[in-house]
């Protein structure tokens, strides 16, 4: 059997969270040389996503890298070309949201560091860490999997500084049209992410991207 790889784009040790699916590598050349052997592509945290990609002006608190967005866009298109599933963490989740046709809330509060609880779509309460000031705003085709147990932000602003109405603060979203999953929190930060948050991130990638639903206890 050919070796399988988990390719991490813009290295930040995120790929290690999903190493059960293949050998983790930060060499993006593998994605082009051996796409048939790549099990998963992982997009990591960092800069905000370029607002032009989702048709908005740049907010006062938005800091983006066009170079990174163009680079990661090429990696994403290669994954799509070969039907390779993608996972995104923090900025990576927001990037995949945009690629699936969604938008981003460009400024929120209350998610700048403290751990908090999230509610899953099957009724569980999971604890996770928090370190972001933007939020996925998925389109109708997306499947929300987890969201903040209670609202934490004082506002939800677009690039023009206008308030946007939202029904929840999205944390984990599955994007079936691009076979991708976005996790807003950081399961790779094992020092700050509770174990149930780490396990939940692994669980939903396993189930939604690889069809391996956990058996009932």
N, C-alpha and C. Protein backbone atom coordinates (compact mmCIF):
# COMPACT_ATOMS: atom_id res chain seq x y z
N UNK A 1 0.85 -1.19 0.00
CA UNK A 1 0.00 0.00 0.00
C UNK A 1 0.88 1.24 0.00
N UNK A 2 0.55 2.22 -0.85
CA UNK A 2 1.34 3.44 -0.95
C UNK A 2 1.21 4.26 0.34
N UNK A 3 2.30 4.93 0.70
CA UNK A 3 2.28 5.79 1.88
C UNK A 3 1.30 6.93 1.68
N UNK A 4 0.58 7.27 2.73
CA UNK A 4 -0.35 8.39 2.70
C UNK A 4 0.26 9.58 3.45
N UNK A 5 -0.09 10.78 2.99
CA UNK A 5 0.47 11.99 3.57
C UNK A 5 -0.64 12.95 4.03
N UNK A 6 -0.33 13.66 5.10
CA UNK A 6 -1.11 14.82 5.51
C UNK A 6 -0.22 16.03 5.23
N UNK A 7 -0.61 16.84 4.26
CA UNK A 7 0.21 17.97 3.84
C UNK A 7 -0.25 19.23 4.57
N UNK A 8 0.65 19.82 5.35
CA UNK A 8 0.34 21.04 6.08
C UNK A 8 0.85 22.25 5.32
N UNK A 9 -0.05 23.16 4.99
CA UNK A 9 0.29 24.36 4.25
C UNK A 9 0.58 25.50 5.24
N UNK A 10 1.68 26.22 5.03
CA UNK A 10 2.14 27.28 5.94
C UNK A 10 2.31 26.68 7.34
N UNK A 11 3.42 26.03 7.60
CA UNK A 11 3.63 25.20 8.80
C UNK A 11 3.36 25.89 10.14
N UNK A 12 2.58 25.21 10.98
CA UNK A 12 2.33 25.64 12.35
C UNK A 12 1.98 24.45 13.25
N UNK A 13 2.44 23.27 12.89
CA UNK A 13 2.23 22.02 13.63
C UNK A 13 0.77 21.59 13.70
N UNK A 14 -0.10 22.16 12.87
CA UNK A 14 -1.51 21.77 12.87
C UNK A 14 -1.71 20.36 12.32
N UNK A 15 -0.89 19.99 11.35
CA UNK A 15 -1.05 18.69 10.72
C UNK A 15 -0.93 17.54 11.68
N UNK A 16 -0.15 17.72 12.75
CA UNK A 16 0.07 16.65 13.71
C UNK A 16 -1.21 16.22 14.41
N UNK A 17 -2.19 17.11 14.47
CA UNK A 17 -3.47 16.76 15.09
C UNK A 17 -4.15 15.64 14.31
N UNK A 18 -3.87 15.58 13.00
CA UNK A 18 -4.56 14.63 12.13
C UNK A 18 -3.60 13.58 11.55
N UNK A 19 -2.54 13.28 12.27
CA UNK A 19 -1.51 12.38 11.77
C UNK A 19 -2.00 10.93 11.64
N UNK A 20 -3.15 10.63 12.21
CA UNK A 20 -3.69 9.27 12.05
C UNK A 20 -4.01 8.97 10.59
N UNK A 21 -4.15 10.01 9.75
CA UNK A 21 -4.53 9.81 8.36
C UNK A 21 -3.34 9.73 7.41
N UNK A 22 -2.14 9.96 7.94
CA UNK A 22 -0.96 9.84 7.08
C UNK A 22 0.24 10.51 7.70
N UNK A 23 1.37 10.34 7.06
CA UNK A 23 2.61 10.98 7.51
C UNK A 23 2.53 12.48 7.27
N UNK A 24 2.80 13.26 8.31
CA UNK A 24 2.69 14.71 8.20
C UNK A 24 3.92 15.27 7.50
N UNK A 25 3.68 16.13 6.51
CA UNK A 25 4.77 16.80 5.80
C UNK A 25 4.40 18.25 5.55
N UNK A 26 5.40 19.12 5.57
CA UNK A 26 5.20 20.52 5.22
C UNK A 26 5.74 20.82 3.83
N UNK A 27 6.10 19.78 3.12
CA UNK A 27 6.62 19.93 1.75
C UNK A 27 5.43 19.91 0.78
N UNK A 28 5.02 21.11 0.33
CA UNK A 28 3.85 21.19 -0.54
C UNK A 28 4.09 20.54 -1.90
N UNK A 29 5.36 20.27 -2.24
CA UNK A 29 5.66 19.61 -3.52
C UNK A 29 5.00 18.23 -3.59
N UNK A 30 4.81 17.60 -2.42
CA UNK A 30 4.16 16.28 -2.40
C UNK A 30 2.75 16.38 -3.00
N UNK A 31 2.09 17.50 -2.77
CA UNK A 31 0.72 17.70 -3.27
C UNK A 31 0.69 17.72 -4.79
N UNK A 32 1.80 18.11 -5.41
CA UNK A 32 1.86 18.18 -6.87
C UNK A 32 2.52 16.94 -7.48
N UNK A 33 3.48 16.36 -6.78
CA UNK A 33 4.18 15.19 -7.31
C UNK A 33 3.40 13.89 -7.09
N UNK A 34 2.77 13.78 -5.91
CA UNK A 34 2.08 12.54 -5.55
C UNK A 34 0.68 12.82 -5.01
N UNK A 35 -0.15 13.52 -5.74
CA UNK A 35 -1.48 13.87 -5.22
C UNK A 35 -2.32 12.65 -4.86
N UNK A 36 -2.09 11.54 -5.55
CA UNK A 36 -2.85 10.33 -5.28
C UNK A 36 -2.52 9.75 -3.90
N UNK A 37 -1.41 10.18 -3.31
CA UNK A 37 -1.00 9.68 -2.00
C UNK A 37 -1.32 10.65 -0.86
N UNK A 38 -1.92 11.78 -1.19
CA UNK A 38 -2.23 12.77 -0.16
C UNK A 38 -3.64 12.51 0.38
N UNK A 39 -3.73 12.25 1.68
CA UNK A 39 -5.02 11.95 2.30
C UNK A 39 -5.74 13.22 2.73
N UNK A 40 -4.97 14.24 3.14
CA UNK A 40 -5.57 15.43 3.72
C UNK A 40 -4.64 16.62 3.54
N UNK A 41 -5.22 17.78 3.25
CA UNK A 41 -4.46 19.03 3.21
C UNK A 41 -4.96 19.90 4.36
N UNK A 42 -4.04 20.44 5.15
CA UNK A 42 -4.40 21.21 6.34
C UNK A 42 -3.93 22.66 6.18
N UNK A 43 -4.87 23.60 6.31
CA UNK A 43 -4.56 25.02 6.27
C UNK A 43 -4.55 25.56 7.70
N UNK A 44 -3.55 26.39 8.00
CA UNK A 44 -3.28 26.77 9.38
C UNK A 44 -3.69 28.21 9.70
N UNK A 45 -3.36 28.65 10.91
CA UNK A 45 -3.72 29.98 11.37
C UNK A 45 -2.79 31.07 10.87
N UNK A 46 -3.09 32.33 11.25
CA UNK A 46 -2.23 33.44 10.85
C UNK A 46 -3.02 34.66 10.43
N UNK A 47 -2.55 35.31 9.34
CA UNK A 47 -3.18 36.53 8.84
C UNK A 47 -4.68 36.35 8.59
N UNK A 48 -5.39 37.47 8.60
CA UNK A 48 -6.79 37.45 8.15
C UNK A 48 -6.83 37.18 6.65
N UNK A 49 -7.99 36.74 6.18
CA UNK A 49 -8.18 36.48 4.75
C UNK A 49 -8.46 37.81 4.03
N UNK A 50 -7.90 37.95 2.87
CA UNK A 50 -8.07 39.14 2.04
C UNK A 50 -9.56 39.36 1.77
N UNK A 51 -10.15 40.46 2.24
CA UNK A 51 -11.60 40.66 2.10
C UNK A 51 -12.09 40.71 0.66
N UNK A 52 -11.23 41.07 -0.28
CA UNK A 52 -11.66 41.11 -1.67
C UNK A 52 -12.10 39.73 -2.16
N UNK A 53 -11.59 38.68 -1.53
CA UNK A 53 -11.96 37.32 -1.94
C UNK A 53 -13.41 37.01 -1.64
N UNK A 54 -14.02 37.75 -0.71
CA UNK A 54 -15.45 37.54 -0.44
C UNK A 54 -16.26 38.82 -0.64
N UNK A 55 -15.70 39.73 -1.45
CA UNK A 55 -16.47 40.88 -1.92
C UNK A 55 -16.74 41.96 -0.91
N UNK A 56 -15.81 42.18 0.04
CA UNK A 56 -16.00 43.24 1.03
C UNK A 56 -14.81 44.18 1.07
N UNK A 57 -15.03 45.36 1.61
CA UNK A 57 -13.95 46.28 1.91
C UNK A 57 -13.17 45.76 3.12
N UNK A 58 -11.99 46.31 3.31
CA UNK A 58 -11.15 45.90 4.42
C UNK A 58 -11.51 46.69 5.68
N UNK A 59 -11.84 45.98 6.75
CA UNK A 59 -12.17 46.63 8.01
C UNK A 59 -10.96 47.22 8.69
N UNK A 60 -11.18 48.09 9.66
CA UNK A 60 -10.08 48.79 10.33
C UNK A 60 -9.14 47.86 11.07
N UNK A 61 -9.66 46.68 11.47
CA UNK A 61 -8.88 45.75 12.29
C UNK A 61 -8.51 44.49 11.52
N UNK A 62 -8.56 44.56 10.19
CA UNK A 62 -8.27 43.39 9.35
C UNK A 62 -6.86 43.53 8.77
N UNK A 63 -6.04 42.52 8.99
CA UNK A 63 -4.66 42.51 8.50
C UNK A 63 -4.44 41.26 7.66
N UNK A 64 -4.24 41.44 6.38
CA UNK A 64 -4.18 40.29 5.48
C UNK A 64 -2.86 40.26 4.71
N UNK A 65 -2.61 39.11 4.09
CA UNK A 65 -1.45 38.92 3.22
C UNK A 65 -1.96 38.39 1.89
N UNK A 66 -1.98 39.26 0.88
CA UNK A 66 -2.42 38.83 -0.44
C UNK A 66 -1.53 37.69 -0.95
N UNK A 67 -0.24 37.81 -0.69
CA UNK A 67 0.69 36.78 -1.14
C UNK A 67 0.33 35.41 -0.57
N UNK A 68 0.01 35.38 0.73
CA UNK A 68 -0.36 34.11 1.34
C UNK A 68 -1.67 33.59 0.78
N UNK A 69 -2.66 34.45 0.59
CA UNK A 69 -3.94 34.00 0.05
C UNK A 69 -3.80 33.44 -1.36
N UNK A 70 -2.96 34.06 -2.18
CA UNK A 70 -2.76 33.56 -3.54
C UNK A 70 -2.03 32.23 -3.51
N UNK A 71 -1.02 32.13 -2.66
CA UNK A 71 -0.26 30.88 -2.52
C UNK A 71 -1.15 29.74 -2.04
N UNK A 72 -1.89 30.00 -0.96
CA UNK A 72 -2.75 28.94 -0.44
C UNK A 72 -3.90 28.64 -1.38
N UNK A 73 -4.30 29.64 -2.17
CA UNK A 73 -5.32 29.40 -3.18
C UNK A 73 -4.87 28.37 -4.21
N UNK A 74 -3.60 28.42 -4.57
CA UNK A 74 -3.07 27.42 -5.52
C UNK A 74 -3.05 26.03 -4.90
N UNK A 75 -2.71 25.97 -3.61
CA UNK A 75 -2.71 24.67 -2.93
C UNK A 75 -4.14 24.11 -2.84
N UNK A 76 -5.08 25.00 -2.56
CA UNK A 76 -6.48 24.59 -2.47
C UNK A 76 -6.98 24.07 -3.81
N UNK A 77 -6.67 24.77 -4.88
CA UNK A 77 -7.13 24.34 -6.20
C UNK A 77 -6.53 22.99 -6.59
N UNK A 78 -5.29 22.75 -6.20
CA UNK A 78 -4.69 21.45 -6.48
C UNK A 78 -5.40 20.35 -5.71
N UNK A 79 -5.73 20.62 -4.46
CA UNK A 79 -6.47 19.64 -3.67
C UNK A 79 -7.84 19.36 -4.28
N UNK A 80 -8.53 20.42 -4.71
CA UNK A 80 -9.84 20.26 -5.33
C UNK A 80 -9.75 19.47 -6.63
N UNK A 81 -8.74 19.75 -7.41
CA UNK A 81 -8.55 19.07 -8.69
C UNK A 81 -8.47 17.56 -8.52
N UNK A 82 -7.88 17.12 -7.41
CA UNK A 82 -7.67 15.70 -7.18
C UNK A 82 -8.61 15.11 -6.12
N UNK A 83 -9.61 15.89 -5.71
CA UNK A 83 -10.59 15.38 -4.77
C UNK A 83 -10.05 15.10 -3.38
N UNK A 84 -9.05 15.87 -2.97
CA UNK A 84 -8.42 15.67 -1.66
C UNK A 84 -9.14 16.51 -0.62
N UNK A 85 -9.60 15.93 0.48
CA UNK A 85 -10.28 16.72 1.51
C UNK A 85 -9.34 17.69 2.19
N UNK A 86 -9.91 18.76 2.72
CA UNK A 86 -9.13 19.80 3.38
C UNK A 86 -9.68 20.06 4.78
N UNK A 87 -8.79 20.39 5.69
CA UNK A 87 -9.17 20.84 7.03
C UNK A 87 -8.50 22.18 7.27
N UNK A 88 -9.20 23.08 7.96
CA UNK A 88 -8.64 24.38 8.27
C UNK A 88 -8.76 24.69 9.74
N UNK A 89 -7.72 25.28 10.33
CA UNK A 89 -7.72 25.68 11.72
C UNK A 89 -7.58 27.20 11.80
N UNK A 90 -8.46 27.84 12.54
CA UNK A 90 -8.48 29.29 12.75
C UNK A 90 -8.55 30.01 11.40
N UNK A 91 -7.50 30.74 11.00
CA UNK A 91 -7.51 31.38 9.69
C UNK A 91 -7.84 30.38 8.59
N UNK A 92 -7.30 29.14 8.72
CA UNK A 92 -7.57 28.11 7.73
C UNK A 92 -9.04 27.81 7.59
N UNK A 93 -9.77 27.83 8.72
CA UNK A 93 -11.22 27.61 8.68
C UNK A 93 -11.90 28.75 7.95
N UNK A 94 -11.47 29.97 8.21
CA UNK A 94 -12.04 31.14 7.57
C UNK A 94 -11.74 31.13 6.07
N UNK A 95 -10.52 30.72 5.71
CA UNK A 95 -10.12 30.61 4.31
C UNK A 95 -11.02 29.62 3.57
N UNK A 96 -11.28 28.46 4.18
CA UNK A 96 -12.13 27.46 3.54
C UNK A 96 -13.57 27.92 3.46
N UNK A 97 -14.02 28.67 4.46
CA UNK A 97 -15.37 29.25 4.42
C UNK A 97 -15.52 30.13 3.19
N UNK A 98 -14.54 30.97 2.95
CA UNK A 98 -14.58 31.86 1.78
C UNK A 98 -14.53 31.05 0.49
N UNK A 99 -13.68 30.04 0.44
CA UNK A 99 -13.57 29.21 -0.76
C UNK A 99 -14.86 28.46 -1.06
N UNK A 100 -15.65 28.21 -0.02
CA UNK A 100 -16.93 27.52 -0.21
C UNK A 100 -18.06 28.48 -0.58
N UNK A 101 -17.75 29.78 -0.66
CA UNK A 101 -18.77 30.75 -1.04
C UNK A 101 -19.35 31.53 0.12
N UNK A 102 -18.78 31.35 1.32
CA UNK A 102 -19.24 32.10 2.48
C UNK A 102 -18.53 33.43 2.63
N UNK A 103 -18.83 34.12 3.70
CA UNK A 103 -18.18 35.38 4.03
C UNK A 103 -17.58 35.29 5.43
N UNK A 104 -16.96 36.37 5.87
CA UNK A 104 -16.43 36.44 7.22
C UNK A 104 -16.99 37.66 7.94
N UNK A 105 -17.22 37.50 9.23
CA UNK A 105 -17.44 38.66 10.08
C UNK A 105 -16.04 39.20 10.38
N UNK A 106 -15.79 40.46 10.04
CA UNK A 106 -14.42 40.97 10.13
C UNK A 106 -14.00 41.41 11.53
N UNK A 107 -14.94 41.61 12.43
CA UNK A 107 -14.53 41.95 13.78
C UNK A 107 -15.56 41.48 14.80
N UNK A 108 -15.08 40.67 15.76
CA UNK A 108 -15.88 40.26 16.89
C UNK A 108 -15.05 40.46 18.15
N UNK A 109 -15.69 40.38 19.30
CA UNK A 109 -15.00 40.47 20.57
C UNK A 109 -15.27 39.19 21.37
N UNK A 110 -14.60 39.05 22.50
CA UNK A 110 -14.90 37.95 23.40
C UNK A 110 -14.23 36.63 23.08
N UNK A 111 -13.44 36.59 22.00
CA UNK A 111 -12.77 35.35 21.63
C UNK A 111 -11.26 35.52 21.61
N UNK A 112 -10.77 36.40 22.45
CA UNK A 112 -9.36 36.75 22.39
C UNK A 112 -8.41 35.97 23.28
N UNK A 113 -8.82 34.85 23.83
CA UNK A 113 -7.85 34.09 24.60
C UNK A 113 -8.43 33.08 25.58
N UNK A 114 -9.53 33.38 26.24
CA UNK A 114 -10.05 32.48 27.27
C UNK A 114 -10.70 31.24 26.66
N UNK A 115 -10.56 30.11 27.37
CA UNK A 115 -11.28 28.91 26.97
C UNK A 115 -12.78 29.14 27.16
N UNK A 116 -13.58 28.46 26.33
CA UNK A 116 -15.03 28.59 26.48
C UNK A 116 -15.70 27.31 26.01
N UNK A 117 -17.01 27.23 26.24
CA UNK A 117 -17.76 26.04 25.87
C UNK A 117 -18.43 26.24 24.51
N UNK A 118 -18.51 25.14 23.77
CA UNK A 118 -19.24 25.14 22.50
C UNK A 118 -20.29 24.03 22.53
N UNK A 119 -21.36 24.25 21.79
CA UNK A 119 -22.44 23.28 21.66
C UNK A 119 -22.33 22.60 20.31
N UNK A 120 -22.40 21.29 20.28
CA UNK A 120 -22.31 20.56 19.02
C UNK A 120 -23.70 20.30 18.44
N UNK A 121 -23.74 19.97 17.17
CA UNK A 121 -25.03 19.74 16.52
C UNK A 121 -25.72 18.47 17.00
N UNK A 122 -25.00 17.64 17.76
CA UNK A 122 -25.65 16.47 18.35
C UNK A 122 -25.87 16.64 19.85
N UNK A 123 -25.81 17.89 20.32
CA UNK A 123 -26.24 18.20 21.68
C UNK A 123 -25.19 18.09 22.77
N UNK A 124 -23.94 17.91 22.42
CA UNK A 124 -22.89 17.83 23.44
C UNK A 124 -22.33 19.22 23.77
N UNK A 125 -21.73 19.34 24.93
CA UNK A 125 -21.01 20.54 25.31
C UNK A 125 -19.52 20.19 25.35
N UNK A 126 -18.73 20.89 24.55
CA UNK A 126 -17.29 20.64 24.44
C UNK A 126 -16.55 21.91 24.86
N UNK A 127 -15.41 21.77 25.48
CA UNK A 127 -14.58 22.91 25.84
C UNK A 127 -13.46 23.09 24.81
N UNK A 128 -13.18 24.34 24.48
CA UNK A 128 -12.11 24.62 23.53
C UNK A 128 -11.43 25.93 23.90
N UNK A 129 -10.29 26.20 23.26
CA UNK A 129 -9.62 27.48 23.47
C UNK A 129 -10.14 28.52 22.48
N UNK A 130 -9.62 29.73 22.53
CA UNK A 130 -10.15 30.79 21.69
C UNK A 130 -9.09 31.85 21.47
N UNK A 131 -8.82 32.17 20.20
CA UNK A 131 -7.82 33.19 19.89
C UNK A 131 -8.07 33.73 18.49
N UNK A 132 -9.14 34.51 18.33
CA UNK A 132 -9.46 35.05 17.01
C UNK A 132 -10.35 36.27 17.15
N UNK A 133 -10.35 37.11 16.11
CA UNK A 133 -11.19 38.31 16.13
C UNK A 133 -12.11 38.36 14.91
N UNK A 134 -12.07 37.30 14.10
CA UNK A 134 -13.00 37.18 12.97
C UNK A 134 -13.74 35.86 13.09
N UNK A 135 -14.77 35.67 12.23
CA UNK A 135 -15.63 34.51 12.39
C UNK A 135 -16.16 34.05 11.03
N UNK A 136 -16.25 32.74 10.87
CA UNK A 136 -16.87 32.18 9.68
C UNK A 136 -18.34 32.61 9.60
N UNK A 137 -18.78 32.96 8.41
CA UNK A 137 -20.19 33.23 8.15
C UNK A 137 -20.58 32.36 6.96
N UNK A 138 -20.84 31.08 7.22
CA UNK A 138 -21.03 30.10 6.12
C UNK A 138 -22.30 30.35 5.33
N UNK A 139 -22.28 29.87 4.08
CA UNK A 139 -23.48 30.00 3.24
C UNK A 139 -24.44 28.85 3.52
N UNK A 140 -25.54 28.81 2.77
CA UNK A 140 -26.63 27.88 3.07
C UNK A 140 -26.25 26.42 2.87
N UNK A 141 -25.27 26.15 2.01
CA UNK A 141 -24.89 24.76 1.75
C UNK A 141 -24.03 24.16 2.86
N UNK A 142 -23.47 25.01 3.70
CA UNK A 142 -22.59 24.53 4.76
C UNK A 142 -23.38 23.87 5.88
N UNK A 143 -22.68 23.05 6.66
CA UNK A 143 -23.30 22.33 7.78
C UNK A 143 -22.62 22.74 9.08
N UNK A 144 -23.24 23.60 9.89
CA UNK A 144 -22.64 23.96 11.18
C UNK A 144 -22.59 22.74 12.10
N UNK A 145 -21.43 22.49 12.67
CA UNK A 145 -21.26 21.36 13.57
C UNK A 145 -21.14 21.76 15.03
N UNK A 146 -20.61 22.98 15.28
CA UNK A 146 -20.47 23.45 16.65
C UNK A 146 -20.41 24.98 16.67
N UNK A 147 -20.90 25.56 17.77
CA UNK A 147 -20.95 27.00 17.91
C UNK A 147 -20.84 27.34 19.39
N UNK A 148 -20.54 28.60 19.70
CA UNK A 148 -20.40 29.01 21.10
C UNK A 148 -21.68 28.70 21.87
N UNK A 149 -21.52 28.17 23.07
CA UNK A 149 -22.68 27.83 23.89
C UNK A 149 -23.55 29.07 24.14
N UNK A 150 -22.91 30.19 24.29
CA UNK A 150 -23.63 31.47 24.45
C UNK A 150 -22.85 32.55 23.69
N UNK A 151 -23.51 33.61 23.26
CA UNK A 151 -22.81 34.68 22.55
C UNK A 151 -21.74 35.32 23.43
N UNK A 152 -20.56 35.52 22.87
CA UNK A 152 -19.46 36.13 23.59
C UNK A 152 -19.11 37.52 23.07
N UNK A 153 -19.50 37.80 21.83
CA UNK A 153 -19.10 39.06 21.21
C UNK A 153 -20.10 40.19 21.47
N UNK A 154 -19.56 41.41 21.57
CA UNK A 154 -20.41 42.59 21.74
C UNK A 154 -20.94 43.10 20.40
N UNK A 155 -20.28 42.70 19.32
CA UNK A 155 -20.73 43.15 18.00
C UNK A 155 -20.24 42.19 16.92
N UNK A 156 -20.81 42.32 15.73
CA UNK A 156 -20.42 41.53 14.56
C UNK A 156 -20.35 42.51 13.39
N UNK A 157 -19.13 42.90 13.00
CA UNK A 157 -18.96 43.98 12.05
C UNK A 157 -18.42 43.49 10.71
N UNK A 158 -18.93 44.10 9.63
CA UNK A 158 -18.38 43.82 8.30
C UNK A 158 -17.26 44.82 8.00
N UNK A 159 -16.76 44.79 6.76
CA UNK A 159 -15.64 45.65 6.41
C UNK A 159 -15.94 47.13 6.43
N UNK A 160 -17.19 47.51 6.36
CA UNK A 160 -17.57 48.91 6.42
C UNK A 160 -17.89 49.37 7.85
N UNK A 161 -17.71 48.46 8.82
CA UNK A 161 -18.01 48.80 10.20
C UNK A 161 -19.47 48.70 10.56
N UNK A 162 -20.27 48.10 9.66
CA UNK A 162 -21.70 47.95 9.91
C UNK A 162 -21.97 46.64 10.65
N UNK A 163 -23.00 46.66 11.50
CA UNK A 163 -23.38 45.47 12.26
C UNK A 163 -24.06 44.46 11.34
N UNK A 164 -23.69 43.19 11.50
CA UNK A 164 -24.28 42.09 10.74
C UNK A 164 -25.06 41.20 11.69
N UNK A 165 -26.27 40.85 11.33
CA UNK A 165 -27.07 39.95 12.16
C UNK A 165 -26.59 38.50 11.97
N UNK A 166 -26.32 37.82 13.05
CA UNK A 166 -25.92 36.42 13.00
C UNK A 166 -26.79 35.62 13.97
N UNK A 167 -26.96 34.34 13.68
CA UNK A 167 -27.79 33.51 14.55
C UNK A 167 -26.97 32.75 15.59
N UNK A 168 -25.65 32.69 15.39
CA UNK A 168 -24.78 31.99 16.34
C UNK A 168 -23.32 32.36 16.04
N UNK A 169 -22.44 32.02 16.98
CA UNK A 169 -21.02 32.24 16.77
C UNK A 169 -20.38 30.91 16.38
N UNK A 170 -20.14 30.75 15.09
CA UNK A 170 -19.71 29.47 14.52
C UNK A 170 -18.30 29.10 14.95
N UNK A 171 -18.12 27.85 15.33
CA UNK A 171 -16.81 27.34 15.72
C UNK A 171 -16.30 26.25 14.78
N UNK A 172 -17.17 25.30 14.43
CA UNK A 172 -16.77 24.20 13.54
C UNK A 172 -17.84 24.05 12.46
N UNK A 173 -17.41 24.05 11.19
CA UNK A 173 -18.34 24.00 10.07
C UNK A 173 -17.82 23.02 9.02
N UNK A 174 -18.73 22.23 8.49
CA UNK A 174 -18.41 21.31 7.38
C UNK A 174 -18.90 21.94 6.09
N UNK A 175 -18.05 21.93 5.06
CA UNK A 175 -18.37 22.50 3.75
C UNK A 175 -18.41 21.38 2.70
N UNK A 176 -19.57 20.77 2.52
CA UNK A 176 -19.65 19.59 1.65
C UNK A 176 -19.33 19.87 0.19
N UNK A 177 -19.59 21.09 -0.29
CA UNK A 177 -19.35 21.37 -1.72
C UNK A 177 -17.87 21.36 -2.06
N UNK A 178 -17.00 21.54 -1.06
CA UNK A 178 -15.56 21.48 -1.32
C UNK A 178 -14.89 20.41 -0.46
N UNK A 179 -15.68 19.55 0.16
CA UNK A 179 -15.19 18.44 1.00
C UNK A 179 -14.14 18.96 2.00
N UNK A 180 -14.55 19.95 2.77
CA UNK A 180 -13.63 20.60 3.70
C UNK A 180 -14.30 20.84 5.05
N UNK A 181 -13.47 20.98 6.08
CA UNK A 181 -13.99 21.23 7.41
C UNK A 181 -13.15 22.31 8.08
N UNK A 182 -13.84 23.31 8.65
CA UNK A 182 -13.17 24.41 9.32
C UNK A 182 -13.36 24.38 10.82
N UNK A 183 -12.26 24.41 11.55
CA UNK A 183 -12.28 24.41 13.02
C UNK A 183 -11.70 25.74 13.49
N UNK A 184 -12.52 26.57 14.12
CA UNK A 184 -12.08 27.91 14.50
C UNK A 184 -11.07 27.90 15.64
N UNK A 185 -11.19 26.97 16.57
CA UNK A 185 -10.25 26.95 17.69
C UNK A 185 -8.96 26.21 17.31
N UNK A 186 -8.03 26.11 18.25
CA UNK A 186 -6.69 25.57 17.96
C UNK A 186 -6.45 24.25 18.69
N UNK A 187 -6.82 23.12 18.11
CA UNK A 187 -6.56 21.84 18.76
C UNK A 187 -5.07 21.50 18.82
N UNK A 188 -4.26 22.17 18.01
CA UNK A 188 -2.81 21.90 18.03
C UNK A 188 -2.12 22.56 19.23
N UNK A 189 -2.81 23.49 19.89
CA UNK A 189 -2.25 24.13 21.09
C UNK A 189 -2.61 23.29 22.30
N UNK A 190 -1.92 22.18 22.47
CA UNK A 190 -2.29 21.22 23.51
C UNK A 190 -2.14 21.79 24.92
N UNK A 191 -1.34 22.84 25.08
CA UNK A 191 -1.18 23.44 26.40
C UNK A 191 -2.39 24.28 26.82
N UNK A 192 -3.16 24.75 25.84
CA UNK A 192 -4.32 25.59 26.17
C UNK A 192 -5.65 25.00 25.72
N UNK A 193 -5.62 24.02 24.85
CA UNK A 193 -6.88 23.44 24.38
C UNK A 193 -7.24 22.22 25.23
N UNK A 194 -8.41 22.22 25.86
CA UNK A 194 -8.83 21.06 26.64
C UNK A 194 -8.85 19.79 25.78
N UNK A 195 -8.64 18.66 26.41
CA UNK A 195 -8.54 17.41 25.67
C UNK A 195 -9.80 17.10 24.89
N UNK A 196 -10.98 17.45 25.44
CA UNK A 196 -12.20 17.14 24.70
C UNK A 196 -12.30 17.97 23.43
N UNK A 197 -11.70 19.19 23.41
CA UNK A 197 -11.67 19.98 22.19
C UNK A 197 -10.78 19.36 21.14
N UNK A 198 -9.62 18.86 21.56
CA UNK A 198 -8.70 18.19 20.64
C UNK A 198 -9.36 16.95 20.04
N UNK A 199 -9.97 16.17 20.90
CA UNK A 199 -10.61 14.93 20.44
C UNK A 199 -11.79 15.22 19.52
N UNK A 200 -12.51 16.30 19.80
CA UNK A 200 -13.65 16.64 18.94
C UNK A 200 -13.18 17.03 17.54
N UNK A 201 -12.12 17.81 17.45
CA UNK A 201 -11.59 18.20 16.14
C UNK A 201 -11.19 16.96 15.34
N UNK A 202 -10.54 16.02 16.00
CA UNK A 202 -10.14 14.78 15.33
C UNK A 202 -11.36 13.96 14.92
N UNK A 203 -12.34 13.93 15.79
CA UNK A 203 -13.57 13.16 15.53
C UNK A 203 -14.30 13.65 14.29
N UNK A 204 -14.52 14.97 14.17
CA UNK A 204 -15.33 15.47 13.06
C UNK A 204 -14.59 15.36 11.73
N UNK A 205 -13.26 15.50 11.75
CA UNK A 205 -12.49 15.27 10.52
C UNK A 205 -12.59 13.81 10.12
N UNK A 206 -12.47 12.94 11.10
CA UNK A 206 -12.57 11.49 10.84
C UNK A 206 -13.93 11.14 10.24
N UNK A 207 -14.99 11.73 10.81
CA UNK A 207 -16.34 11.39 10.37
C UNK A 207 -16.74 12.06 9.06
N UNK A 208 -16.56 13.37 8.98
CA UNK A 208 -17.10 14.12 7.84
C UNK A 208 -16.20 14.08 6.61
N UNK A 209 -14.89 13.94 6.80
CA UNK A 209 -14.00 13.91 5.65
C UNK A 209 -13.59 12.50 5.24
N UNK A 210 -13.68 11.55 6.19
CA UNK A 210 -13.25 10.18 5.88
C UNK A 210 -14.35 9.15 6.09
N UNK A 211 -15.54 9.57 6.53
CA UNK A 211 -16.65 8.65 6.66
C UNK A 211 -16.49 7.60 7.72
N UNK A 212 -15.71 7.91 8.77
CA UNK A 212 -15.45 6.94 9.83
C UNK A 212 -16.16 7.36 11.10
N UNK A 213 -17.43 7.15 11.15
CA UNK A 213 -18.23 7.53 12.32
C UNK A 213 -17.91 6.63 13.50
N UNK A 214 -17.73 7.24 14.66
CA UNK A 214 -17.41 6.48 15.85
C UNK A 214 -18.57 5.59 16.23
N UNK A 215 -18.25 4.41 16.73
CA UNK A 215 -19.29 3.49 17.17
C UNK A 215 -19.81 3.92 18.54
N UNK A 216 -21.11 3.70 18.74
CA UNK A 216 -21.72 4.06 20.03
C UNK A 216 -21.11 3.21 21.14
N UNK A 217 -20.92 3.82 22.30
CA UNK A 217 -20.34 3.09 23.43
C UNK A 217 -21.31 2.07 23.97
